[in-house]
């Protein structure tokens, strides 16, 4: 049964990524929210929602998601990159670097 859950998560991830690639960030966020309801420590979903929140200019929520992902996986490059975007959009270019 765990395999089916993994397939479901992978399907939700694909849907979220496709929505984000189509610039439908609100819809993408719903898919990542769904994943995180089932797997609150899913670092990929946290990172994806961080990036989507950054695109929606929901910067405090984006910061929290990136920080949570990095707490779980400290050197996760995707989350470091997303957090850099959040810092840049927050007017903190030095912290972005």
Protein backbone atom coordinates (compact mmCIF):
# COMPACT_ATOMS: atom_id res chain seq x y z
CA UNK A 1 0.00 0.00 0.00
CA UNK A 2 2.91 2.38 0.59
CA UNK A 3 3.72 2.11 -3.11
CA UNK A 4 0.25 3.36 -4.03
CA UNK A 5 0.77 6.33 -1.70
CA UNK A 6 4.05 7.08 -3.41
CA UNK A 7 2.38 6.96 -6.80
CA UNK A 8 -0.33 9.30 -5.53
CA UNK A 9 2.29 11.74 -4.23
CA UNK A 10 4.15 11.55 -7.55
CA UNK A 11 0.90 12.26 -9.41
CA UNK A 12 0.12 15.26 -7.20
CA UNK A 13 3.68 16.52 -7.67
CA UNK A 14 3.35 16.28 -11.47
CA UNK A 15 0.06 18.18 -11.34
CA UNK A 16 1.58 20.89 -9.15
CA UNK A 17 4.65 21.26 -11.34
CA UNK A 18 2.55 21.42 -14.52
CA UNK A 19 0.32 24.08 -12.97
CA UNK A 20 3.37 26.11 -11.92
CA UNK A 21 4.89 25.78 -15.39
CA UNK A 22 1.60 27.17 -16.75
CA UNK A 23 1.89 30.13 -14.35
CA UNK A 24 -1.19 28.93 -12.44
CA UNK A 25 0.51 29.36 -9.09
CA UNK A 26 -2.66 29.28 -6.98
CA UNK A 27 -3.62 25.93 -8.49
CA UNK A 28 -0.06 24.62 -8.07
CA UNK A 29 -0.14 25.61 -4.42
CA UNK A 30 -3.28 23.53 -3.87
CA UNK A 31 -1.48 20.39 -5.13
CA UNK A 32 1.54 21.01 -2.90
CA UNK A 33 -0.76 21.74 0.06
CA UNK A 34 -2.42 18.37 -0.56
CA UNK A 35 0.93 16.56 -0.52
CA UNK A 36 1.97 18.31 2.68
CA UNK A 37 -1.27 17.32 4.40
CA UNK A 38 -0.28 13.69 3.80
CA UNK A 39 3.49 14.11 4.20
CA UNK A 40 4.32 17.23 6.24
CA UNK A 41 8.06 16.50 5.99
CA UNK A 42 8.18 16.13 2.20
CA UNK A 43 11.14 18.40 1.42
CA UNK A 44 10.41 18.51 -2.31
CA UNK A 45 6.82 19.63 -1.71
CA UNK A 46 8.00 22.20 0.85
CA UNK A 47 10.49 23.54 -1.68
CA UNK A 48 7.91 23.59 -4.47
CA UNK A 49 5.40 25.42 -2.30
CA UNK A 50 8.13 27.85 -1.23
CA UNK A 51 8.82 28.69 -4.86
CA UNK A 52 5.11 28.98 -5.70
CA UNK A 53 4.54 31.23 -2.67
CA UNK A 54 7.46 33.38 -3.84
CA UNK A 55 5.85 33.71 -7.25
CA UNK A 56 2.60 34.73 -5.53
CA UNK A 57 4.55 37.29 -3.44
CA UNK A 58 3.47 35.47 -0.28
CA UNK A 59 6.97 35.94 1.08
CA UNK A 60 6.51 35.05 4.79
CA UNK A 61 4.86 31.74 3.81
CA UNK A 62 7.58 31.12 1.23
CA UNK A 63 10.31 31.77 3.80
CA UNK A 64 8.72 29.34 6.25
CA UNK A 65 8.45 26.58 3.64
CA UNK A 66 12.06 27.01 2.51
CA UNK A 67 13.31 27.15 6.09
CA UNK A 68 11.31 24.02 6.97
CA UNK A 69 12.74 22.17 3.95
CA UNK A 70 16.27 23.21 4.89
CA UNK A 71 15.75 22.19 8.51
CA UNK A 72 14.86 18.71 7.26
CA UNK A 73 17.60 18.58 4.61
CA UNK A 74 20.21 21.29 5.32
CA UNK A 75 22.07 21.26 2.00
CA UNK A 76 19.07 20.78 -0.31
CA UNK A 77 20.19 22.88 -3.28
CA UNK A 78 16.70 23.43 -4.69
CA UNK A 79 15.51 24.88 -1.38
CA UNK A 80 18.63 27.04 -1.08
CA UNK A 81 17.92 28.37 -4.57
CA UNK A 82 14.25 29.01 -3.76
CA UNK A 83 15.17 30.75 -0.51
CA UNK A 84 17.57 32.95 -2.49
CA UNK A 85 14.67 33.98 -4.73
CA UNK A 86 12.55 34.78 -1.67
CA UNK A 87 15.35 36.89 -0.16
CA UNK A 88 15.82 38.72 -3.47
CA UNK A 89 12.07 39.44 -3.74
CA UNK A 90 12.14 40.58 -0.10
CA UNK A 91 14.70 43.25 -0.96
CA UNK A 92 17.58 41.42 0.73
CA UNK A 93 20.03 40.76 -2.13
CA UNK A 94 23.01 40.20 0.18
CA UNK A 95 21.13 37.45 2.00
CA UNK A 96 20.04 36.03 -1.34
CA UNK A 97 23.64 35.42 -2.30
